[in-house]
Amino acid sequence: MTILRMYKAIKFIDSNDVTADFGSLILTSMAELTIGLICSCFPAVSILIKRQSSPGSSHAAIRTSSIFDRLSAILRAWE
C-alpha cells in the first residue's frame, strides 16, 4: 500500500488535474492508515477473544453477539 501511495504522490507533482489526483492520493493515504490500524490491533483482539471464550469466564454474557462469533471464527482459522 505504501508503494501505491508513493506512486500517487510522485504522480501528483506533475499533475494537470490537481483535484482528481489529490482525491486519489487522499484515498490511498486513508486506506494505508486504516490497514495499519487494523493490523496493529489484531494481537489485542486475539487476546480478548481467548479470554471471552475460555470456560468459566465471568464475561460469558458478552459473547452473545453474532459479530463477535464471526470474528472469533476468523481468528481461530488463522491460528
C-alpha atoms as a PDB file:
ATOM      1  CA  MET A   1       0.000   0.000   0.000  1.00  0.00           C
ATOM      2  CA  THR A   2       2.875   2.353   0.767  1.00  0.00           C
ATOM      3  CA  ILE A   3       4.333   1.835  -2.689  1.00  0.00           C
ATOM      4  CA  LEU A   4       0.995   2.708  -4.292  1.00  0.00           C
ATOM      5  CA  ARG A   5       0.743   5.871  -2.183  1.00  0.00           C
ATOM      6  CA  MET A   6       4.317   6.817  -3.088  1.00  0.00           C
ATOM      7  CA  TYR A   7       3.498   6.340  -6.781  1.00  0.00           C
ATOM      8  CA  LYS A   8       0.386   8.537  -6.417  1.00  0.00           C
ATOM      9  CA  ALA A   9       2.397  11.236  -4.601  1.00  0.00           C
ATOM     10  CA  ILE A  10       5.037  11.332  -7.337  1.00  0.00           C
ATOM     11  CA  LYS A  11       2.325  11.409  -9.991  1.00  0.00           C
ATOM     12  CA  PHE A  12       0.636  14.274  -8.102  1.00  0.00           C
ATOM     13  CA  ILE A  13       3.714  16.506  -8.514  1.00  0.00           C
ATOM     14  CA  ASP A  14       3.313  16.653 -12.303  1.00  0.00           C
ATOM     15  CA  SER A  15      -0.480  16.639 -12.270  1.00  0.00           C
ATOM     16  CA  ASN A  16      -2.612  18.564 -14.736  1.00  0.00           C
ATOM     17  CA  ASP A  17      -5.821  17.797 -12.805  1.00  0.00           C
ATOM     18  CA  VAL A  18      -4.906  18.514  -9.195  1.00  0.00           C
ATOM     19  CA  THR A  19      -8.411  17.895  -7.834  1.00  0.00           C
ATOM     20  CA  ALA A  20      -8.769  14.370  -9.203  1.00  0.00           C
ATOM     21  CA  ASP A  21      -5.223  13.333  -8.343  1.00  0.00           C
ATOM     22  CA  PHE A  22      -5.430  14.800  -4.829  1.00  0.00           C
ATOM     23  CA  GLY A  23      -8.619  12.823  -4.171  1.00  0.00           C
ATOM     24  CA  SER A  24      -6.900   9.636  -5.290  1.00  0.00           C
ATOM     25  CA  LEU A  25      -3.873  10.442  -3.103  1.00  0.00           C
ATOM     26  CA  ILE A  26      -6.077  11.049  -0.046  1.00  0.00           C
ATOM     27  CA  LEU A  27      -7.960   7.770  -0.572  1.00  0.00           C
ATOM     28  CA  THR A  28      -4.760   5.739  -0.765  1.00  0.00           C
ATOM     29  CA  SER A  29      -3.361   7.505   2.319  1.00  0.00           C
ATOM     30  CA  MET A  30      -6.520   6.789   4.314  1.00  0.00           C
ATOM     31  CA  ALA A  31      -6.514   3.155   3.175  1.00  0.00           C
ATOM     32  CA  GLU A  32      -2.905   2.772   4.306  1.00  0.00           C
ATOM     33  CA  LEU A  33      -3.673   4.254   7.728  1.00  0.00           C
ATOM     34  CA  THR A  34      -6.760   2.079   8.160  1.00  0.00           C
ATOM     35  CA  ILE A  35      -4.929  -1.113   7.218  1.00  0.00           C
ATOM     36  CA  GLY A  36      -2.098  -0.226   9.611  1.00  0.00           C
ATOM     37  CA  LEU A  37      -4.504   0.396  12.476  1.00  0.00           C
ATOM     38  CA  ILE A  38      -6.377  -2.846  11.893  1.00  0.00           C
ATOM     39  CA  CYS A  39      -3.149  -4.864  11.708  1.00  0.00           C
ATOM     40  CA  SER A  40      -1.787  -3.276  14.869  1.00  0.00           C
ATOM     41  CA  CYS A  41      -4.970  -4.194  16.800  1.00  0.00           C
ATOM     42  CA  PHE A  42      -5.072  -7.880  15.817  1.00  0.00           C
ATOM     43  CA  PRO A  43      -2.888  -9.120  18.720  1.00  0.00           C
ATOM     44  CA  ALA A  44      -5.085  -7.399  21.301  1.00  0.00           C
ATOM     45  CA  VAL A  45      -8.288  -8.665  19.694  1.00  0.00           C
ATOM     46  CA  SER A  46      -6.928 -12.220  19.735  1.00  0.00           C
ATOM     47  CA  ILE A  47      -6.205 -11.986  23.467  1.00  0.00           C
ATOM     48  CA  LEU A  48      -9.682 -10.615  24.177  1.00  0.00           C
ATOM     49  CA  ILE A  49     -11.334 -13.377  22.192  1.00  0.00           C
ATOM     50  CA  LYS A  50      -9.342 -16.048  24.015  1.00  0.00           C
ATOM     51  CA  ARG A  51     -10.383 -14.575  27.364  1.00  0.00           C
ATOM     52  CA  GLN A  52     -14.040 -14.388  26.365  1.00  0.00           C
ATOM     53  CA  SER A  53     -14.157 -17.929  25.002  1.00  0.00           C
ATOM     54  CA  SER A  54     -12.386 -19.574  27.955  1.00  0.00           C
ATOM     55  CA  PRO A  55     -14.614 -21.770  30.160  1.00  0.00           C
ATOM     56  CA  GLY A  56     -15.670 -20.162  33.411  1.00  0.00           C
ATOM     57  CA  SER A  57     -15.238 -16.669  32.053  1.00  0.00           C
ATOM     58  CA  SER A  58     -17.119 -14.056  34.049  1.00  0.00           C
ATOM     59  CA  HIS A  59     -17.879 -12.179  30.832  1.00  0.00           C
ATOM     60  CA  ALA A  60     -19.760 -15.003  29.081  1.00  0.00           C
ATOM     61  CA  ALA A  61     -22.861 -12.840  28.593  1.00  0.00           C
ATOM     62  CA  ILE A  62     -20.951 -10.510  26.285  1.00  0.00           C
ATOM     63  CA  ARG A  63     -20.329 -13.395  23.899  1.00  0.00           C
ATOM     64  CA  THR A  64     -23.878 -13.358  22.502  1.00  0.00           C
ATOM     65  CA  SER A  65     -23.047 -11.047  19.617  1.00  0.00           C
ATOM     66  CA  SER A  66     -23.016 -12.683  16.186  1.00  0.00           C
ATOM     67  CA  ILE A  67     -20.279 -10.284  15.038  1.00  0.00           C
ATOM     68  CA  PHE A  68     -18.110 -11.468  17.920  1.00  0.00           C
ATOM     69  CA  ASP A  69     -18.679 -15.095  16.916  1.00  0.00           C
ATOM     70  CA  ARG A  70     -17.707 -14.347  13.319  1.00  0.00           C
ATOM     71  CA  LEU A  71     -14.529 -12.518  14.355  1.00  0.00           C
ATOM     72  CA  SER A  72     -13.654 -15.332  16.744  1.00  0.00           C
ATOM     73  CA  ALA A  73     -14.057 -17.909  13.973  1.00  0.00           C
ATOM     74  CA  ILE A  74     -11.834 -15.882  11.641  1.00  0.00           C
ATOM     75  CA  LEU A  75      -9.086 -15.552  14.242  1.00  0.00           C
ATOM     76  CA  ARG A  76      -9.285 -19.258  15.125  1.00  0.00           C
ATOM     77  CA  ALA A  77      -8.799 -20.095  11.457  1.00  0.00           C
ATOM     78  CA  TRP A  78      -5.553 -18.061  11.468  1.00  0.00           C
ATOM     79  CA  GLU A  79      -4.059 -19.997  14.380  1.00  0.00           C
END
